[in-house]
Amino acid sequence: MADGGVYGGIGFGSSSVDIESGALDDGSNISGESKDETDTSLSFFIGYEVNDNLSVEGGYIDFGEASVTGISDGTGSFWFEGPVEIKYETTAIFLDIIGKYEINNSLDLIGKAGFYHADVDADATDVWGTVSIDESNTGLLLGFGLSYGFTDKVSGRLDGQGSVMSVIIIQLVSRILILLD
């Protein structure tokens, strides 16, 4: 892309959330525990290209859903006897600094570092109903990838990013960037 300019884009890809072992544990015997930790993510972002090697970018990511299910014998402190599930929905806003290293005229190696603020909505459901729990956390994001310039105004990016300490583990994303000047 050309030096110095505002750009925006959308991203989509695969996201993975690390659900801790024993997430359903309330002291009862849980059988048949099953986890679904991956989903499709969608992001929107806007950035400013300071020069050929440096950009600042912010945006929003919807990581989709993750869940863990099982069967409780009802002897614990929370679950009633029968099927139980916790469903997680995670979204985040982020601010990154992106460094670029030119491999050739169209291809760049990129490295990213920044911060995120994530909101996790969890619904815990058993035969008697659903309890909703909302949590948020903030942390450091790190990532790397490749950027390919199709024209001076349109490029695509394949990158991965992950957090150092959070429920967000990895997001592999394909992005289309359009220079807005």
C-alpha atoms as a PDB file:
ATOM      1  CA  MET A   1       0.000   0.000   0.000  1.00  0.00           C
ATOM      2  CA  ALA A   2       1.079   3.587  -0.459  1.00  0.00           C
ATOM      3  CA  ASP A   3       2.930   5.474   2.284  1.00  0.00           C
ATOM      4  CA  GLY A   4       0.891   7.252   4.929  1.00  0.00           C
ATOM      5  CA  GLY A   5      -2.816   6.805   4.753  1.00  0.00           C
ATOM      6  CA  VAL A   6      -5.940   5.700   6.503  1.00  0.00           C
ATOM      7  CA  TYR A   7      -7.094   2.198   5.671  1.00  0.00           C
ATOM      8  CA  GLY A   8      -9.927  -0.013   6.772  1.00  0.00           C
ATOM      9  CA  GLY A   9     -11.017  -3.553   6.266  1.00  0.00           C
ATOM     10  CA  ILE A  10     -12.736  -6.691   7.390  1.00  0.00           C
ATOM     11  CA  GLY A  11     -11.295  -9.962   8.560  1.00  0.00           C
ATOM     12  CA  PHE A  12     -12.610 -13.459   8.941  1.00  0.00           C
ATOM     13  CA  GLY A  13     -11.043 -16.667  10.088  1.00  0.00           C
ATOM     14  CA  SER A  14     -10.926 -19.328  12.747  1.00  0.00           C
ATOM     15  CA  SER A  15     -10.849 -18.562  16.452  1.00  0.00           C
ATOM     16  CA  SER A  16     -10.095 -20.885  19.339  1.00  0.00           C
ATOM     17  CA  VAL A  17     -11.000 -20.411  22.986  1.00  0.00           C
ATOM     18  CA  ASP A  18      -9.235 -22.474  25.657  1.00  0.00           C
ATOM     19  CA  ILE A  19     -11.903 -23.895  27.974  1.00  0.00           C
ATOM     20  CA  GLU A  20     -10.231 -25.071  31.160  1.00  0.00           C
ATOM     21  CA  SER A  21     -10.533 -28.725  32.155  1.00  0.00           C
ATOM     22  CA  GLY A  22     -13.132 -29.039  34.866  1.00  0.00           C
ATOM     23  CA  ALA A  23     -15.136 -26.002  33.708  1.00  0.00           C
ATOM     24  CA  LEU A  24     -18.317 -27.908  34.642  1.00  0.00           C
ATOM     25  CA  ASP A  25     -16.933 -29.105  38.001  1.00  0.00           C
ATOM     26  CA  ASP A  26     -19.170 -28.179  40.924  1.00  0.00           C
ATOM     27  CA  GLY A  27     -18.408 -31.240  43.031  1.00  0.00           C
ATOM     28  CA  SER A  28     -20.855 -33.500  41.201  1.00  0.00           C
ATOM     29  CA  ASN A  29     -19.864 -36.363  38.949  1.00  0.00           C
ATOM     30  CA  ILE A  30     -19.840 -35.093  35.346  1.00  0.00           C
ATOM     31  CA  SER A  31     -19.854 -37.702  32.598  1.00  0.00           C
ATOM     32  CA  GLY A  32     -19.515 -37.353  28.843  1.00  0.00           C
ATOM     33  CA  GLU A  33     -17.789 -33.944  28.976  1.00  0.00           C
ATOM     34  CA  SER A  34     -17.385 -32.546  25.477  1.00  0.00           C
ATOM     35  CA  LYS A  35     -15.832 -29.252  24.338  1.00  0.00           C
ATOM     36  CA  ASP A  36     -16.371 -27.180  21.195  1.00  0.00           C
ATOM     37  CA  GLU A  37     -13.569 -24.605  21.361  1.00  0.00           C
ATOM     38  CA  THR A  38     -13.439 -23.305  17.760  1.00  0.00           C
ATOM     39  CA  ASP A  39     -15.657 -21.082  15.651  1.00  0.00           C
ATOM     40  CA  THR A  40     -15.501 -18.542  12.850  1.00  0.00           C
ATOM     41  CA  SER A  41     -14.378 -15.047  13.791  1.00  0.00           C
ATOM     42  CA  LEU A  42     -15.277 -11.740  12.154  1.00  0.00           C
ATOM     43  CA  SER A  43     -13.431  -8.456  12.616  1.00  0.00           C
ATOM     44  CA  PHE A  44     -13.657  -4.847  11.468  1.00  0.00           C
ATOM     45  CA  PHE A  45     -10.685  -2.515  11.718  1.00  0.00           C
ATOM     46  CA  ILE A  46      -9.292   0.854  10.751  1.00  0.00           C
ATOM     47  CA  GLY A  47      -5.668   1.883  10.707  1.00  0.00           C
ATOM     48  CA  TYR A  48      -3.164   4.523   9.798  1.00  0.00           C
ATOM     49  CA  GLU A  49      -0.027   3.697   7.810  1.00  0.00           C
ATOM     50  CA  VAL A  50       2.662   5.977   9.274  1.00  0.00           C
ATOM     51  CA  ASN A  51       5.289   4.906   6.704  1.00  0.00           C
ATOM     52  CA  ASP A  52       6.340   1.844   4.698  1.00  0.00           C
ATOM     53  CA  ASN A  53       7.278  -0.021   7.885  1.00  0.00           C
ATOM     54  CA  LEU A  54       4.865   1.099  10.592  1.00  0.00           C
ATOM     55  CA  SER A  55       1.077   1.195  11.056  1.00  0.00           C
ATOM     56  CA  VAL A  56      -1.305   1.698  13.960  1.00  0.00           C
ATOM     57  CA  GLU A  57      -4.561  -0.254  13.838  1.00  0.00           C
ATOM     58  CA  GLY A  58      -7.679  -0.584  16.002  1.00  0.00           C
ATOM     59  CA  GLY A  59     -10.818  -2.610  15.664  1.00  0.00           C
ATOM     60  CA  TYR A  60     -13.471  -5.008  16.889  1.00  0.00           C
ATOM     61  CA  ILE A  61     -13.470  -8.830  16.811  1.00  0.00           C
ATOM     62  CA  ASP A  62     -16.360 -11.252  17.326  1.00  0.00           C
ATOM     63  CA  PHE A  63     -14.784 -14.620  18.151  1.00  0.00           C
ATOM     64  CA  GLY A  64     -18.035 -16.574  17.857  1.00  0.00           C
ATOM     65  CA  GLU A  65     -19.132 -19.235  20.332  1.00  0.00           C
ATOM     66  CA  ALA A  66     -17.497 -22.004  22.323  1.00  0.00           C
ATOM     67  CA  SER A  67     -19.155 -24.504  24.652  1.00  0.00           C
ATOM     68  CA  VAL A  68     -18.669 -27.383  27.039  1.00  0.00           C
ATOM     69  CA  THR A  69     -21.379 -29.950  27.757  1.00  0.00           C
ATOM     70  CA  GLY A  70     -21.834 -32.981  29.974  1.00  0.00           C
ATOM     71  CA  ILE A  71     -24.229 -34.930  32.200  1.00  0.00           C
ATOM     72  CA  SER A  72     -24.362 -34.135  35.929  1.00  0.00           C
ATOM     73  CA  ASP A  73     -25.484 -36.579  38.611  1.00  0.00           C
ATOM     74  CA  GLY A  74     -26.780 -33.571  40.587  1.00  0.00           C
ATOM     75  CA  THR A  75     -24.724 -34.192  43.736  1.00  0.00           C
ATOM     76  CA  GLY A  76     -22.702 -30.961  43.480  1.00  0.00           C
ATOM     77  CA  SER A  77     -23.356 -27.392  44.573  1.00  0.00           C
ATOM     78  CA  PHE A  78     -24.677 -25.905  41.294  1.00  0.00           C
ATOM     79  CA  TRP A  79     -25.949 -28.348  38.667  1.00  0.00           C
ATOM     80  CA  PHE A  80     -29.184 -30.294  38.882  1.00  0.00           C
ATOM     81  CA  GLU A  81     -29.220 -33.882  37.606  1.00  0.00           C
ATOM     82  CA  GLY A  82     -29.214 -34.141  33.826  1.00  0.00           C
ATOM     83  CA  PRO A  83     -27.604 -32.440  30.833  1.00  0.00           C
ATOM     84  CA  VAL A  84     -25.506 -29.334  31.555  1.00  0.00           C
ATOM     85  CA  GLU A  85     -23.843 -26.787  29.254  1.00  0.00           C
ATOM     86  CA  ILE A  86     -21.803 -23.615  29.433  1.00  0.00           C
ATOM     87  CA  LYS A  87     -21.859 -21.554  26.231  1.00  0.00           C
ATOM     88  CA  TYR A  88     -19.300 -18.746  25.802  1.00  0.00           C
ATOM     89  CA  GLU A  89     -19.541 -15.771  23.422  1.00  0.00           C
ATOM     90  CA  THR A  90     -16.425 -13.580  23.222  1.00  0.00           C
ATOM     91  CA  THR A  91     -15.895 -10.165  21.630  1.00  0.00           C
ATOM     92  CA  ALA A  92     -12.963  -7.757  21.888  1.00  0.00           C
ATOM     93  CA  ILE A  93     -11.690  -4.349  20.867  1.00  0.00           C
ATOM     94  CA  PHE A  94      -7.996  -3.964  20.114  1.00  0.00           C
ATOM     95  CA  LEU A  95      -5.232  -1.480  19.355  1.00  0.00           C
ATOM     96  CA  ASP A  96      -2.083  -2.763  17.580  1.00  0.00           C
ATOM     97  CA  ILE A  97       1.207  -1.411  16.309  1.00  0.00           C
ATOM     98  CA  ILE A  98       2.216  -3.263  13.152  1.00  0.00           C
ATOM     99  CA  GLY A  99       5.775  -3.454  11.881  1.00  0.00           C
ATOM    100  CA  LYS A 100       6.449  -4.504   8.280  1.00  0.00           C
ATOM    101  CA  TYR A 101       9.516  -5.913   6.570  1.00  0.00           C
ATOM    102  CA  GLU A 102       9.455  -5.876   2.752  1.00  0.00           C
ATOM    103  CA  ILE A 103      10.246  -9.241   1.176  1.00  0.00           C
ATOM    104  CA  ASN A 104       9.600  -7.967  -2.371  1.00  0.00           C
ATOM    105  CA  ASN A 105       7.518  -5.202  -4.029  1.00  0.00           C
ATOM    106  CA  SER A 106       4.204  -6.913  -3.163  1.00  0.00           C
ATOM    107  CA  LEU A 107       4.922  -9.130  -0.145  1.00  0.00           C
ATOM    108  CA  ASP A 108       5.631  -7.995   3.437  1.00  0.00           C
ATOM    109  CA  LEU A 109       6.363  -9.921   6.619  1.00  0.00           C
ATOM    110  CA  ILE A 110       4.427  -8.324   9.504  1.00  0.00           C
ATOM    111  CA  GLY A 111       4.719  -8.400  13.281  1.00  0.00           C
ATOM    112  CA  LYS A 112       2.050  -7.062  15.637  1.00  0.00           C
ATOM    113  CA  ALA A 113       1.924  -6.044  19.274  1.00  0.00           C
ATOM    114  CA  GLY A 114      -0.902  -4.353  21.093  1.00  0.00           C
ATOM    115  CA  PHE A 115      -3.630  -4.501  23.695  1.00  0.00           C
ATOM    116  CA  TYR A 116      -7.170  -5.855  23.770  1.00  0.00           C
ATOM    117  CA  HIS A 117     -10.194  -5.589  26.005  1.00  0.00           C
ATOM    118  CA  ALA A 118     -12.394  -8.702  25.787  1.00  0.00           C
ATOM    119  CA  ASP A 119     -15.931  -9.336  27.003  1.00  0.00           C
ATOM    120  CA  VAL A 120     -16.976 -12.932  27.659  1.00  0.00           C
ATOM    121  CA  ASP A 121     -20.660 -13.753  28.061  1.00  0.00           C
ATOM    122  CA  ALA A 122     -21.266 -17.232  29.500  1.00  0.00           C
ATOM    123  CA  ASP A 123     -24.630 -18.963  29.832  1.00  0.00           C
ATOM    124  CA  ALA A 124     -24.705 -21.936  32.227  1.00  0.00           C
ATOM    125  CA  THR A 125     -27.743 -24.128  31.478  1.00  0.00           C
ATOM    126  CA  ASP A 126     -29.195 -27.213  33.124  1.00  0.00           C
ATOM    127  CA  VAL A 127     -32.708 -28.737  33.312  1.00  0.00           C
ATOM    128  CA  TRP A 128     -33.907 -25.911  35.598  1.00  0.00           C
ATOM    129  CA  GLY A 129     -32.813 -22.969  33.490  1.00  0.00           C
ATOM    130  CA  THR A 130     -29.965 -20.660  32.552  1.00  0.00           C
ATOM    131  CA  VAL A 131     -27.681 -18.425  34.581  1.00  0.00           C
ATOM    132  CA  SER A 132     -25.759 -15.722  32.703  1.00  0.00           C
ATOM    133  CA  ILE A 133     -22.267 -14.648  33.727  1.00  0.00           C
ATOM    134  CA  ASP A 134     -20.429 -11.717  32.152  1.00  0.00           C
ATOM    135  CA  GLU A 135     -16.690 -11.176  32.549  1.00  0.00           C
ATOM    136  CA  SER A 136     -14.109  -8.957  30.908  1.00  0.00           C
ATOM    137  CA  ASN A 137     -10.338  -8.891  30.760  1.00  0.00           C
ATOM    138  CA  THR A 138      -7.570  -6.822  29.232  1.00  0.00           C
ATOM    139  CA  GLY A 139      -4.208  -8.026  28.045  1.00  0.00           C
ATOM    140  CA  LEU A 140      -1.371  -8.067  25.568  1.00  0.00           C
ATOM    141  CA  LEU A 141      -1.771  -9.283  21.969  1.00  0.00           C
ATOM    142  CA  LEU A 142       1.112 -10.538  19.848  1.00  0.00           C
ATOM    143  CA  GLY A 143       0.988 -11.689  16.243  1.00  0.00           C
ATOM    144  CA  PHE A 144       2.702 -12.184  12.914  1.00  0.00           C
ATOM    145  CA  GLY A 145       1.803 -12.826   9.303  1.00  0.00           C
ATOM    146  CA  LEU A 146       2.163 -11.886   5.660  1.00  0.00           C
ATOM    147  CA  SER A 147       0.669  -9.011   3.682  1.00  0.00           C
ATOM    148  CA  TYR A 148       0.315  -9.029  -0.100  1.00  0.00           C
ATOM    149  CA  GLY A 149      -0.335  -5.833  -2.066  1.00  0.00           C
ATOM    150  CA  PHE A 150      -2.602  -6.485  -5.044  1.00  0.00           C
ATOM    151  CA  THR A 151      -2.521  -2.775  -5.998  1.00  0.00           C
ATOM    152  CA  ASP A 152      -1.412   0.463  -4.309  1.00  0.00           C
ATOM    153  CA  LYS A 153      -4.848   0.651  -2.672  1.00  0.00           C
ATOM    154  CA  VAL A 154      -5.855  -2.990  -2.030  1.00  0.00           C
ATOM    155  CA  SER A 155      -3.960  -5.663  -0.133  1.00  0.00           C
ATOM    156  CA  GLY A 156      -4.696  -8.904   1.636  1.00  0.00           C
ATOM    157  CA  ARG A 157      -3.228 -10.184   4.852  1.00  0.00           C
ATOM    158  CA  LEU A 158      -2.958 -13.597   6.444  1.00  0.00           C
ATOM    159  CA  ASP A 159      -2.002 -13.305  10.095  1.00  0.00           C
ATOM    160  CA  GLY A 160      -2.294 -14.947  13.439  1.00  0.00           C
ATOM    161  CA  GLN A 161      -2.554 -13.284  16.808  1.00  0.00           C
ATOM    162  CA  GLY A 162      -2.897 -14.488  20.331  1.00  0.00           C
ATOM    163  CA  SER A 163      -3.005 -13.219  23.841  1.00  0.00           C
ATOM    164  CA  VAL A 164      -0.434 -13.851  26.496  1.00  0.00           C
ATOM    165  CA  MET A 165      -2.986 -14.424  29.293  1.00  0.00           C
ATOM    166  CA  SER A 166      -6.692 -14.711  28.492  1.00  0.00           C
ATOM    167  CA  VAL A 167      -9.426 -16.933  27.137  1.00  0.00           C
ATOM    168  CA  ILE A 168      -8.481 -15.819  23.625  1.00  0.00           C
ATOM    169  CA  ILE A 169      -5.789 -18.180  22.425  1.00  0.00           C
ATOM    170  CA  ILE A 170      -5.376 -17.756  18.675  1.00  0.00           C
ATOM    171  CA  GLN A 171      -7.095 -16.173  15.740  1.00  0.00           C
ATOM    172  CA  LEU A 172      -6.030 -16.980  12.205  1.00  0.00           C
ATOM    173  CA  VAL A 173      -7.455 -14.356   9.912  1.00  0.00           C
ATOM    174  CA  SER A 174      -7.666 -13.459   6.273  1.00  0.00           C
ATOM    175  CA  ARG A 175      -8.051  -9.701   5.882  1.00  0.00           C
ATOM    176  CA  ILE A 176      -8.772  -7.354   3.029  1.00  0.00           C
ATOM    177  CA  LEU A 177      -7.386  -3.849   3.507  1.00  0.00           C
ATOM    178  CA  ILE A 178      -8.485  -0.866   1.421  1.00  0.00           C
ATOM    179  CA  LEU A 179      -6.671   2.467   1.468  1.00  0.00           C
ATOM    180  CA  LEU A 180      -9.257   5.181   2.157  1.00  0.00           C
ATOM    181  CA  ASP A 181      -7.471   8.301   0.872  1.00  0.00           C
END
